[in-house]
Amino acid sequence: MIKDSPNPPLDSSQFQVSAHQAINHYLNPSSKPEPSGNGTGLFAVREGLDAETLLINASEDLASVQALANHLAFEIDGNPRSVALGICRMLEGIQLMVEKTLNLNESRLQR
């Protein structure tokens, strides 16, 4: 299908402002909002959950995200594939740390 009009020109000044906001958000710790523990964010963790329950759920969530990233990595090629595989490796490391923490917690409880 042929478009009736060409794509509108990009406003590079707005793009630069947005890029600077994104960079400041991730790289400037002073501009990060303080996390609120009162559940006013989009998601909240229910009070009263023990560490084991939280770690088990974190482990399952990590496994799900890792499966998504693995699937994505084998659907794309080139540099984006390398990025997706890098994410997979980071997730594997985090998963190992969570599982190690669960094992330490379990061995501590058995003493």
PDB file of N, CA and C in Angstrom:
ATOM      1  N   MET A   1       0.838  -1.176   0.000  1.00  0.00           N
ATOM      2  CA  MET A   1       0.000   0.000   0.000  1.00  0.00           C
ATOM      3  C   MET A   1       0.884   1.239   0.000  1.00  0.00           C
ATOM      4  N   ILE A   2       0.601   2.188  -0.845  1.00  0.00           N
ATOM      5  CA  ILE A   2       1.387   3.409  -0.967  1.00  0.00           C
ATOM      6  C   ILE A   2       0.785   4.469  -0.054  1.00  0.00           C
ATOM      7  N   LYS A   3       1.665   5.156   0.676  1.00  0.00           N
ATOM      8  CA  LYS A   3       1.204   6.227   1.561  1.00  0.00           C
ATOM      9  C   LYS A   3       0.842   7.453   0.742  1.00  0.00           C
ATOM     10  N   ASP A   4      -0.167   8.184   1.216  1.00  0.00           N
ATOM     11  CA  ASP A   4      -0.560   9.426   0.550  1.00  0.00           C
ATOM     12  C   ASP A   4       0.462  10.526   0.781  1.00  0.00           C
ATOM     13  N   SER A   5       1.107  10.517   1.963  1.00  0.00           N
ATOM     14  CA  SER A   5       2.090  11.557   2.267  1.00  0.00           C
ATOM     15  C   SER A   5       3.337  10.908   2.847  1.00  0.00           C
ATOM     16  N   PRO A   6       4.483  11.522   2.708  1.00  0.00           N
ATOM     17  CA  PRO A   6       5.704  10.946   3.263  1.00  0.00           C
ATOM     18  C   PRO A   6       5.700  11.015   4.786  1.00  0.00           C
ATOM     19  N   ASN A   7       6.635  10.288   5.386  1.00  0.00           N
ATOM     20  CA  ASN A   7       6.767  10.348   6.843  1.00  0.00           C
ATOM     21  C   ASN A   7       7.072  11.772   7.287  1.00  0.00           C
ATOM     22  N   PRO A   8       6.488  12.185   8.405  1.00  0.00           N
ATOM     23  CA  PRO A   8       6.779  13.545   8.865  1.00  0.00           C
ATOM     24  C   PRO A   8       8.236  13.647   9.305  1.00  0.00           C
ATOM     25  N   PRO A   9       8.837  14.827   9.182  1.00  0.00           N
ATOM     26  CA  PRO A   9      10.231  14.976   9.606  1.00  0.00           C
ATOM     27  C   PRO A   9      10.343  14.820  11.122  1.00  0.00           C
ATOM     28  N   LEU A  10      11.478  14.268  11.556  1.00  0.00           N
ATOM     29  CA  LEU A  10      11.707  14.080  12.985  1.00  0.00           C
ATOM     30  C   LEU A  10      12.192  15.379  13.599  1.00  0.00           C
ATOM     31  N   ASP A  11      11.713  15.664  14.796  1.00  0.00           N
ATOM     32  CA  ASP A  11      12.165  16.827  15.549  1.00  0.00           C
ATOM     33  C   ASP A  11      13.372  16.390  16.369  1.00  0.00           C
ATOM     34  N   SER A  12      14.576  16.665  15.885  1.00  0.00           N
ATOM     35  CA  SER A  12      15.792  16.171  16.539  1.00  0.00           C
ATOM     36  C   SER A  12      15.985  16.798  17.915  1.00  0.00           C
ATOM     37  N   SER A  13      15.489  18.008  18.137  1.00  0.00           N
ATOM     38  CA  SER A  13      15.657  18.627  19.459  1.00  0.00           C
ATOM     39  C   SER A  13      14.856  17.856  20.506  1.00  0.00           C
ATOM     40  N   GLN A  14      13.659  17.413  20.167  1.00  0.00           N
ATOM     41  CA  GLN A  14      12.860  16.627  21.114  1.00  0.00           C
ATOM     42  C   GLN A  14      13.500  15.272  21.354  1.00  0.00           C
ATOM     43  N   PHE A  15      14.087  14.698  20.306  1.00  0.00           N
ATOM     44  CA  PHE A  15      14.783  13.431  20.450  1.00  0.00           C
ATOM     45  C   PHE A  15      15.960  13.580  21.410  1.00  0.00           C
ATOM     46  N   GLN A  16      16.724  14.660  21.277  1.00  0.00           N
ATOM     47  CA  GLN A  16      17.863  14.891  22.156  1.00  0.00           C
ATOM     48  C   GLN A  16      17.422  15.088  23.598  1.00  0.00           C
ATOM     49  N   VAL A  17      16.347  15.821  23.804  1.00  0.00           N
ATOM     50  CA  VAL A  17      15.831  16.029  25.162  1.00  0.00           C
ATOM     51  C   VAL A  17      15.425  14.690  25.770  1.00  0.00           C
ATOM     52  N   SER A  18      14.728  13.870  24.998  1.00  0.00           N
ATOM     53  CA  SER A  18      14.304  12.563  25.496  1.00  0.00           C
ATOM     54  C   SER A  18      15.493  11.669  25.792  1.00  0.00           C
ATOM     55  N   ALA A  19      16.500  11.701  24.917  1.00  0.00           N
ATOM     56  CA  ALA A  19      17.696  10.890  25.130  1.00  0.00           C
ATOM     57  C   ALA A  19      18.418  11.319  26.403  1.00  0.00           C
ATOM     58  N   HIS A  20      18.552  12.618  26.622  1.00  0.00           N
ATOM     59  CA  HIS A  20      19.217  13.106  27.841  1.00  0.00           C
ATOM     60  C   HIS A  20      18.425  12.733  29.096  1.00  0.00           C
ATOM     61  N   GLN A  21      17.108  12.784  29.018  1.00  0.00           N
ATOM     62  CA  GLN A  21      16.288  12.381  30.169  1.00  0.00           C
ATOM     63  C   GLN A  21      16.497  10.900  30.478  1.00  0.00           C
ATOM     64  N   ALA A  22      16.542  10.073  29.445  1.00  0.00           N
ATOM     65  CA  ALA A  22      16.742   8.641  29.657  1.00  0.00           C
ATOM     66  C   ALA A  22      18.122   8.364  30.240  1.00  0.00           C
ATOM     67  N   ILE A  23      19.138   9.020  29.715  1.00  0.00           N
ATOM     68  CA  ILE A  23      20.495   8.826  30.225  1.00  0.00           C
ATOM     69  C   ILE A  23      20.588   9.275  31.673  1.00  0.00           C
ATOM     70  N   ASN A  24      20.040  10.435  31.992  1.00  0.00           N
ATOM     71  CA  ASN A  24      20.073  10.928  33.376  1.00  0.00           C
ATOM     72  C   ASN A  24      19.315  10.004  34.315  1.00  0.00           C
ATOM     73  N   HIS A  25      18.225   9.445  33.836  1.00  0.00           N
ATOM     74  CA  HIS A  25      17.424   8.558  34.678  1.00  0.00           C
ATOM     75  C   HIS A  25      18.232   7.337  35.095  1.00  0.00           C
ATOM     76  N   TYR A  26      19.004   6.766  34.176  1.00  0.00           N
ATOM     77  CA  TYR A  26      19.736   5.541  34.468  1.00  0.00           C
ATOM     78  C   TYR A  26      21.145   5.776  35.005  1.00  0.00           C
ATOM     79  N   LEU A  27      21.770   6.881  34.669  1.00  0.00           N
ATOM     80  CA  LEU A  27      23.162   7.074  35.048  1.00  0.00           C
ATOM     81  C   LEU A  27      23.381   8.096  36.162  1.00  0.00           C
ATOM     82  N   ASN A  28      22.381   8.877  36.497  1.00  0.00           N
ATOM     83  CA  ASN A  28      22.544   9.891  37.530  1.00  0.00           C
ATOM     84  C   ASN A  28      21.762   9.471  38.768  1.00  0.00           C
ATOM     85  N   PRO A  29      22.421   8.881  39.762  1.00  0.00           N
ATOM     86  CA  PRO A  29      21.702   8.359  40.927  1.00  0.00           C
ATOM     87  C   PRO A  29      20.920   9.416  41.692  1.00  0.00           C
ATOM     88  N   SER A  30      21.366  10.665  41.636  1.00  0.00           N
ATOM     89  CA  SER A  30      20.675  11.704  42.403  1.00  0.00           C
ATOM     90  C   SER A  30      19.304  12.025  41.826  1.00  0.00           C
ATOM     91  N   SER A  31      19.101  11.722  40.549  1.00  0.00           N
ATOM     92  CA  SER A  31      17.806  12.034  39.951  1.00  0.00           C
ATOM     93  C   SER A  31      16.820  10.882  40.034  1.00  0.00           C
ATOM     94  N   LYS A  32      17.278   9.747  40.597  1.00  0.00           N
ATOM     95  CA  LYS A  32      16.376   8.600  40.710  1.00  0.00           C
ATOM     96  C   LYS A  32      15.400   8.832  41.853  1.00  0.00           C
ATOM     97  N   PRO A  33      14.121   8.538  41.640  1.00  0.00           N
ATOM     98  CA  PRO A  33      13.170   8.691  42.731  1.00  0.00           C
ATOM     99  C   PRO A  33      13.425   7.648  43.815  1.00  0.00           C
ATOM    100  N   GLU A  34      13.210   8.036  45.034  1.00  0.00           N
ATOM    101  CA  GLU A  34      13.363   7.112  46.152  1.00  0.00           C
ATOM    102  C   GLU A  34      12.254   6.071  46.102  1.00  0.00           C
ATOM    103  N   PRO A  35      12.588   4.791  46.286  1.00  0.00           N
ATOM    104  CA  PRO A  35      11.538   3.774  46.284  1.00  0.00           C
ATOM    105  C   PRO A  35      10.615   3.959  47.486  1.00  0.00           C
ATOM    106  N   SER A  36       9.366   3.828  47.242  1.00  0.00           N
ATOM    107  CA  SER A  36       8.411   3.983  48.334  1.00  0.00           C
ATOM    108  C   SER A  36       7.952   2.610  48.787  1.00  0.00           C
ATOM    109  N   GLY A  37       7.983   2.383  50.059  1.00  0.00           N
ATOM    110  CA  GLY A  37       7.590   1.098  50.598  1.00  0.00           C
ATOM    111  C   GLY A  37       6.112   1.025  50.937  1.00  0.00           C
ATOM    112  N   ASN A  38       5.358   2.038  50.580  1.00  0.00           N
ATOM    113  CA  ASN A  38       3.953   2.055  50.966  1.00  0.00           C
ATOM    114  C   ASN A  38       3.025   1.505  49.897  1.00  0.00           C
ATOM    115  N   GLY A  39       3.567   0.891  48.845  1.00  0.00           N
ATOM    116  CA  GLY A  39       2.728   0.271  47.832  1.00  0.00           C
ATOM    117  C   GLY A  39       2.051   1.258  46.909  1.00  0.00           C
ATOM    118  N   THR A  40       2.595   2.459  46.753  1.00  0.00           N
ATOM    119  CA  THR A  40       1.971   3.429  45.871  1.00  0.00           C
ATOM    120  C   THR A  40       2.420   3.270  44.432  1.00  0.00           C
ATOM    121  N   GLY A  41       3.410   2.398  44.179  1.00  0.00           N
ATOM    122  CA  GLY A  41       3.883   2.158  42.828  1.00  0.00           C
ATOM    123  C   GLY A  41       2.926   1.253  42.077  1.00  0.00           C
ATOM    124  N   LEU A  42       3.333   0.880  40.892  1.00  0.00           N
ATOM    125  CA  LEU A  42       2.506   0.009  40.061  1.00  0.00           C
ATOM    126  C   LEU A  42       2.380  -1.377  40.672  1.00  0.00           C
ATOM    127  N   PHE A  43       3.483  -1.866  41.238  1.00  0.00           N
ATOM    128  CA  PHE A  43       3.477  -3.185  41.857  1.00  0.00           C
ATOM    129  C   PHE A  43       3.904  -3.048  43.313  1.00  0.00           C
ATOM    130  N   ALA A  44       3.471  -3.979  44.118  1.00  0.00           N
ATOM    131  CA  ALA A  44       3.868  -3.996  45.521  1.00  0.00           C
ATOM    132  C   ALA A  44       4.025  -5.438  45.966  1.00  0.00           C
ATOM    133  N   VAL A  45       4.876  -5.644  46.959  1.00  0.00           N
ATOM    134  CA  VAL A  45       5.071  -6.970  47.532  1.00  0.00           C
ATOM    135  C   VAL A  45       4.270  -7.016  48.825  1.00  0.00           C
ATOM    136  N   ARG A  46       3.469  -8.051  48.948  1.00  0.00           N
ATOM    137  CA  ARG A  46       2.616  -8.203  50.114  1.00  0.00           C
ATOM    138  C   ARG A  46       3.448  -8.301  51.386  1.00  0.00           C
ATOM    139  N   GLU A  47       3.054  -7.620  52.408  1.00  0.00           N
ATOM    140  CA  GLU A  47       3.736  -7.665  53.704  1.00  0.00           C
ATOM    141  C   GLU A  47       3.595  -9.046  54.325  1.00  0.00           C
ATOM    142  N   GLY A  48       4.592  -9.434  55.106  1.00  0.00           N
ATOM    143  CA  GLY A  48       4.516 -10.675  55.864  1.00  0.00           C
ATOM    144  C   GLY A  48       5.047 -11.904  55.148  1.00  0.00           C
ATOM    145  N   LEU A  49       5.549 -11.756  53.923  1.00  0.00           N
ATOM    146  CA  LEU A  49       6.095 -12.910  53.209  1.00  0.00           C
ATOM    147  C   LEU A  49       7.507 -13.177  53.710  1.00  0.00           C
ATOM    148  N   ASP A  50       7.834 -14.457  53.863  1.00  0.00           N
ATOM    149  CA  ASP A  50       9.175 -14.797  54.333  1.00  0.00           C
ATOM    150  C   ASP A  50      10.164 -14.776  53.168  1.00  0.00           C
ATOM    151  N   ALA A  51      11.462 -14.781  53.524  1.00  0.00           N
ATOM    152  CA  ALA A  51      12.517 -14.676  52.525  1.00  0.00           C
ATOM    153  C   ALA A  51      12.478 -15.838  51.541  1.00  0.00           C
ATOM    154  N   GLU A  52      12.193 -17.036  52.016  1.00  0.00           N
ATOM    155  CA  GLU A  52      12.174 -18.201  51.127  1.00  0.00           C
ATOM    156  C   GLU A  52      11.097 -18.060  50.059  1.00  0.00           C
ATOM    157  N   THR A  53       9.912 -17.614  50.429  1.00  0.00           N
ATOM    158  CA  THR A  53       8.824 -17.420  49.472  1.00  0.00           C
ATOM    159  C   THR A  53       9.210 -16.384  48.427  1.00  0.00           C
ATOM    160  N   LEU A  54       9.806 -15.277  48.881  1.00  0.00           N
ATOM    161  CA  LEU A  54      10.218 -14.231  47.952  1.00  0.00           C
ATOM    162  C   LEU A  54      11.299 -14.731  46.999  1.00  0.00           C
ATOM    163  N   LEU A  55      12.271 -15.466  47.523  1.00  0.00           N
ATOM    164  CA  LEU A  55      13.354 -15.980  46.679  1.00  0.00           C
ATOM    165  C   LEU A  55      12.855 -17.025  45.681  1.00  0.00           C
ATOM    166  N   ILE A  56      11.933 -17.868  46.101  1.00  0.00           N
ATOM    167  CA  ILE A  56      11.380 -18.877  45.187  1.00  0.00           C
ATOM    168  C   ILE A  56      10.636 -18.195  44.047  1.00  0.00           C
ATOM    169  N   ASN A  57       9.846 -17.185  44.370  1.00  0.00           N
ATOM    170  CA  ASN A  57       9.120 -16.468  43.320  1.00  0.00           C
ATOM    171  C   ASN A  57      10.079 -15.710  42.409  1.00  0.00           C
ATOM    172  N   ALA A  58      11.127 -15.117  42.981  1.00  0.00           N
ATOM    173  CA  ALA A  58      12.125 -14.429  42.165  1.00  0.00           C
ATOM    174  C   ALA A  58      12.811 -15.425  41.229  1.00  0.00           C
ATOM    175  N   SER A  59      13.118 -16.613  41.737  1.00  0.00           N
ATOM    176  CA  SER A  59      13.766 -17.643  40.927  1.00  0.00           C
ATOM    177  C   SER A  59      12.872 -18.067  39.766  1.00  0.00           C
ATOM    178  N   GLU A  60      11.591 -18.253  40.027  1.00  0.00           N
ATOM    179  CA  GLU A  60      10.662 -18.642  38.962  1.00  0.00           C
ATOM    180  C   GLU A  60      10.505 -17.531  37.930  1.00  0.00           C
ATOM    181  N   ASP A  61      10.450 -16.282  38.391  1.00  0.00           N
ATOM    182  CA  ASP A  61      10.356 -15.156  37.457  1.00  0.00           C
ATOM    183  C   ASP A  61      11.606 -15.048  36.597  1.00  0.00           C
ATOM    184  N   LEU A  62      12.773 -15.233  37.213  1.00  0.00           N
ATOM    185  CA  LEU A  62      14.020 -15.208  36.450  1.00  0.00           C
ATOM    186  C   LEU A  62      14.046 -16.304  35.394  1.00  0.00           C
ATOM    187  N   ALA A  63      13.585 -17.492  35.748  1.00  0.00           N
ATOM    188  CA  ALA A  63      13.547 -18.595  34.789  1.00  0.00           C
ATOM    189  C   ALA A  63      12.632 -18.257  33.611  1.00  0.00           C
ATOM    190  N   SER A  64      11.515 -17.596  33.886  1.00  0.00           N
ATOM    191  CA  SER A  64      10.588 -17.203  32.815  1.00  0.00           C
ATOM    192  C   SER A  64      11.214 -16.159  31.894  1.00  0.00           C
ATOM    193  N   VAL A  65      11.855 -15.158  32.480  1.00  0.00           N
ATOM    194  CA  VAL A  65      12.493 -14.117  31.673  1.00  0.00           C
ATOM    195  C   VAL A  65      13.646 -14.712  30.868  1.00  0.00           C
ATOM    196  N   GLN A  66      14.377 -15.635  31.477  1.00  0.00           N
ATOM    197  CA  GLN A  66      15.482 -16.288  30.775  1.00  0.00           C
ATOM    198  C   GLN A  66      14.966 -17.082  29.570  1.00  0.00           C
ATOM    199  N   ALA A  67      13.838 -17.766  29.730  1.00  0.00           N
ATOM    200  CA  ALA A  67      13.244 -18.512  28.616  1.00  0.00           C
ATOM    201  C   ALA A  67      12.836 -17.558  27.492  1.00  0.00           C
ATOM    202  N   LEU A  68      12.275 -16.409  27.842  1.00  0.00           N
ATOM    203  CA  LEU A  68      11.901 -15.417  26.828  1.00  0.00           C
ATOM    204  C   LEU A  68      13.129 -14.898  26.089  1.00  0.00           C
ATOM    205  N   ALA A  69      14.193 -14.577  26.839  1.00  0.00           N
ATOM    206  CA  ALA A  69      15.405 -14.047  26.218  1.00  0.00           C
ATOM    207  C   ALA A  69      16.072 -15.099  25.334  1.00  0.00           C
ATOM    208  N   ASN A  70      16.096 -16.355  25.785  1.00  0.00           N
ATOM    209  CA  ASN A  70      16.659 -17.428  24.966  1.00  0.00           C
ATOM    210  C   ASN A  70      15.885 -17.586  23.665  1.00  0.00           C
ATOM    211  N   HIS A  71      14.569 -17.561  23.758  1.00  0.00           N
ATOM    212  CA  HIS A  71      13.736 -17.682  22.564  1.00  0.00           C
ATOM    213  C   HIS A  71      14.024 -16.536  21.601  1.00  0.00           C
ATOM    214  N   LEU A  72      14.103 -15.330  22.146  1.00  0.00           N
ATOM    215  CA  LEU A  72      14.381 -14.160  21.318  1.00  0.00           C
ATOM    216  C   LEU A  72      15.751 -14.277  20.659  1.00  0.00           C
ATOM    217  N   ALA A  73      16.751 -14.734  21.406  1.00  0.00           N
ATOM    218  CA  ALA A  73      18.116 -14.819  20.880  1.00  0.00           C
ATOM    219  C   ALA A  73      18.201 -15.714  19.655  1.00  0.00           C
ATOM    220  N   PHE A  74      17.369 -16.720  19.577  1.00  0.00           N
ATOM    221  CA  PHE A  74      17.438 -17.641  18.440  1.00  0.00           C
ATOM    222  C   PHE A  74      16.455 -17.282  17.328  1.00  0.00           C
ATOM    223  N   GLU A  75      15.767 -16.155  17.502  1.00  0.00           N
ATOM    224  CA  GLU A  75      14.876 -15.657  16.454  1.00  0.00           C
ATOM    225  C   GLU A  75      15.513 -14.514  15.669  1.00  0.00           C
ATOM    226  N   ILE A  76      16.609 -13.954  16.189  1.00  0.00           N
ATOM    227  CA  ILE A  76      17.240 -12.802  15.550  1.00  0.00           C
ATOM    228  C   ILE A  76      18.697 -13.122  15.232  1.00  0.00           C
ATOM    229  N   ASP A  77      19.311 -12.282  14.425  1.00  0.00           N
ATOM    230  CA  ASP A  77      20.700 -12.482  14.018  1.00  0.00           C
ATOM    231  C   ASP A  77      21.517 -11.221  14.291  1.00  0.00           C
ATOM    232  N   GLY A  78      22.823 -11.375  14.174  1.00  0.00           N
ATOM    233  CA  GLY A  78      23.724 -10.231  14.254  1.00  0.00           C
ATOM    234  C   GLY A  78      23.903  -9.707  15.664  1.00  0.00           C
ATOM    235  N   ASN A  79      24.143  -8.391  15.738  1.00  0.00           N
ATOM    236  CA  ASN A  79      24.408  -7.740  17.014  1.00  0.00           C
ATOM    237  C   ASN A  79      23.235  -7.850  18.002  1.00  0.00           C
ATOM    238  N   PRO A  80      21.975  -7.710  17.563  1.00  0.00           N
ATOM    239  CA  PRO A  80      20.873  -7.887  18.517  1.00  0.00           C
ATOM    240  C   PRO A  80      20.869  -9.276  19.165  1.00  0.00           C
ATOM    241  N   ARG A  81      21.296 -10.279  18.424  1.00  0.00           N
ATOM    242  CA  ARG A  81      21.382 -11.641  18.979  1.00  0.00           C
ATOM    243  C   ARG A  81      22.432 -11.686  20.086  1.00  0.00           C
ATOM    244  N   SER A  82      23.559 -11.024  19.851  1.00  0.00           N
ATOM    245  CA  SER A  82      24.609 -10.973  20.877  1.00  0.00           C
ATOM    246  C   SER A  82      24.113 -10.284  22.131  1.00  0.00           C
ATOM    247  N   VAL A  83      23.341  -9.224  21.967  1.00  0.00           N
ATOM    248  CA  VAL A  83      22.774  -8.517  23.119  1.00  0.00           C
ATOM    249  C   VAL A  83      21.827  -9.441  23.883  1.00  0.00           C
ATOM    250  N   ALA A  84      20.949 -10.131  23.160  1.00  0.00           N
ATOM    251  CA  ALA A  84      20.003 -11.046  23.810  1.00  0.00           C
ATOM    252  C   ALA A  84      20.739 -12.171  24.532  1.00  0.00           C
ATOM    253  N   LEU A  85      21.806 -12.698  23.923  1.00  0.00           N
ATOM    254  CA  LEU A  85      22.583 -13.746  24.585  1.00  0.00           C
ATOM    255  C   LEU A  85      23.291 -13.205  25.826  1.00  0.00           C
ATOM    256  N   GLY A  86      23.752 -11.963  25.774  1.00  0.00           N
ATOM    257  CA  GLY A  86      24.348 -11.330  26.953  1.00  0.00           C
ATOM    258  C   GLY A  86      23.346 -11.214  28.084  1.00  0.00           C
ATOM    259  N   ILE A  87      22.121 -10.854  27.748  1.00  0.00           N
ATOM    260  CA  ILE A  87      21.057 -10.781  28.759  1.00  0.00           C
ATOM    261  C   ILE A  87      20.818 -12.162  29.355  1.00  0.00           C
ATOM    262  N   CYS A  88      20.822 -13.185  28.505  1.00  0.00           N
ATOM    263  CA  CYS A  88      20.642 -14.562  28.990  1.00  0.00           C
ATOM    264  C   CYS A  88      21.722 -14.926  29.997  1.00  0.00           C
ATOM    265  N   ARG A  89      22.967 -14.572  29.689  1.00  0.00           N
ATOM    266  CA  ARG A  89      24.075 -14.909  30.598  1.00  0.00           C
ATOM    267  C   ARG A  89      23.940 -14.177  31.926  1.00  0.00           C
ATOM    268  N   MET A  90      23.537 -12.920  31.880  1.00  0.00           N
ATOM    269  CA  MET A  90      23.339 -12.177  33.132  1.00  0.00           C
ATOM    270  C   MET A  90      22.217 -12.804  33.954  1.00  0.00           C
ATOM    271  N   LEU A  91      21.147 -13.199  33.287  1.00  0.00           N
ATOM    272  CA  LEU A  91      20.040 -13.834  33.988  1.00  0.00           C
ATOM    273  C   LEU A  91      20.468 -15.151  34.620  1.00  0.00           C
ATOM    274  N   GLU A  92      21.312 -15.901  33.914  1.00  0.00           N
ATOM    275  CA  GLU A  92      21.810 -17.159  34.481  1.00  0.00           C
ATOM    276  C   GLU A  92      22.601 -16.902  35.756  1.00  0.00           C
ATOM    277  N   GLY A  93      23.425 -15.867  35.749  1.00  0.00           N
ATOM    278  CA  GLY A  93      24.202 -15.516  36.935  1.00  0.00           C
ATOM    279  C   GLY A  93      23.315 -15.117  38.096  1.00  0.00           C
ATOM    280  N   ILE A  94      22.308 -14.319  37.811  1.00  0.00           N
ATOM    281  CA  ILE A  94      21.373 -13.906  38.864  1.00  0.00           C
ATOM    282  C   ILE A  94      20.611 -15.113  39.391  1.00  0.00           C
ATOM    283  N   GLN A  95      20.194 -15.987  38.483  1.00  0.00           N
ATOM    284  CA  GLN A  95      19.485 -17.207  38.883  1.00  0.00           C
ATOM    285  C   GLN A  95      20.354 -18.047  39.818  1.00  0.00           C
ATOM    286  N   LEU A  96      21.640 -18.184  39.489  1.00  0.00           N
ATOM    287  CA  LEU A  96      22.556 -18.950  40.339  1.00  0.00           C
ATOM    288  C   LEU A  96      22.691 -18.319  41.726  1.00  0.00           C
ATOM    289  N   MET A  97      22.746 -16.991  41.784  1.00  0.00           N
ATOM    290  CA  MET A  97      22.850 -16.317  43.082  1.00  0.00           C
ATOM    291  C   MET A  97      21.594 -16.522  43.926  1.00  0.00           C
ATOM    292  N   VAL A  98      20.429 -16.450  43.283  1.00  0.00           N
ATOM    293  CA  VAL A  98      19.180 -16.670  44.012  1.00  0.00           C
ATOM    294  C   VAL A  98      19.114 -18.100  44.535  1.00  0.00           C
ATOM    295  N   GLU A  99      19.473 -19.064  43.686  1.00  0.00           N
ATOM    296  CA  GLU A  99      19.445 -20.468  44.119  1.00  0.00           C
ATOM    297  C   GLU A  99      20.450 -20.724  45.238  1.00  0.00           C
ATOM    298  N   LYS A 100      21.641 -20.103  45.167  1.00  0.00           N
ATOM    299  CA  LYS A 100      22.633 -20.252  46.226  1.00  0.00           C
ATOM    300  C   LYS A 100      22.096 -19.669  47.534  1.00  0.00           C
ATOM    301  N   THR A 101      21.427 -18.541  47.453  1.00  0.00           N
ATOM    302  CA  THR A 101      20.830 -17.935  48.642  1.00  0.00           C
ATOM    303  C   THR A 101      19.762 -18.838  49.231  1.00  0.00           C
ATOM    304  N   LEU A 102      18.940 -19.447  48.373  1.00  0.00           N
ATOM    305  CA  LEU A 102      17.929 -20.397  48.848  1.00  0.00           C
ATOM    306  C   LEU A 102      18.588 -21.582  49.552  1.00  0.00           C
ATOM    307  N   ASN A 103      19.669 -22.104  48.959  1.00  0.00           N
ATOM    308  CA  ASN A 103      20.372 -23.231  49.573  1.00  0.00           C
ATOM    309  C   ASN A 103      20.987 -22.844  50.913  1.00  0.00           C
ATOM    310  N   LEU A 104      21.567 -21.649  50.987  1.00  0.00           N
ATOM    311  CA  LEU A 104      22.144 -21.186  52.273  1.00  0.00           C
ATOM    312  C   LEU A 104      21.061 -21.024  53.321  1.00  0.00           C
ATOM    313  N   ASN A 105      19.916 -20.499  52.899  1.00  0.00           N
ATOM    314  CA  ASN A 105      18.802 -20.314  53.823  1.00  0.00           C
ATOM    315  C   ASN A 105      18.290 -21.660  54.319  1.00  0.00           C
ATOM    316  N   GLU A 106      18.201 -22.629  53.395  1.00  0.00           N
ATOM    317  CA  GLU A 106      17.726 -23.969  53.767  1.00  0.00           C
ATOM    318  C   GLU A 106      18.692 -24.650  54.726  1.00  0.00           C
ATOM    319  N   SER A 107      19.986 -24.557  54.451  1.00  0.00           N
ATOM    320  CA  SER A 107      20.969 -25.191  55.344  1.00  0.00           C
ATOM    321  C   SER A 107      21.000 -24.504  56.706  1.00  0.00           C
ATOM    322  N   ARG A 108      20.759 -23.195  56.733  1.00  0.00           N
ATOM    323  CA  ARG A 108      20.707 -22.466  58.015  1.00  0.00           C
ATOM    324  C   ARG A 108      19.506 -22.910  58.834  1.00  0.00           C
ATOM    325  N   LEU A 109      18.388 -23.171  58.175  1.00  0.00           N
ATOM    326  CA  LEU A 109      17.183 -23.591  58.883  1.00  0.00           C
ATOM    327  C   LEU A 109      17.301 -25.018  59.410  1.00  0.00           C
ATOM    328  N   GLN A 110      18.109 -25.853  58.755  1.00  0.00           N
ATOM    329  CA  GLN A 110      18.247 -27.246  59.180  1.00  0.00           C
ATOM    330  C   GLN A 110      19.165 -27.386  60.385  1.00  0.00           C
ATOM    331  N   ARG A 111      19.956 -26.375  60.705  1.00  0.00           N
ATOM    332  CA  ARG A 111      20.855 -26.454  61.861  1.00  0.00           C
ATOM    333  C   ARG A 111      20.124 -26.341  63.151  1.00  0.00           C
TER     334      ARG A 111
END
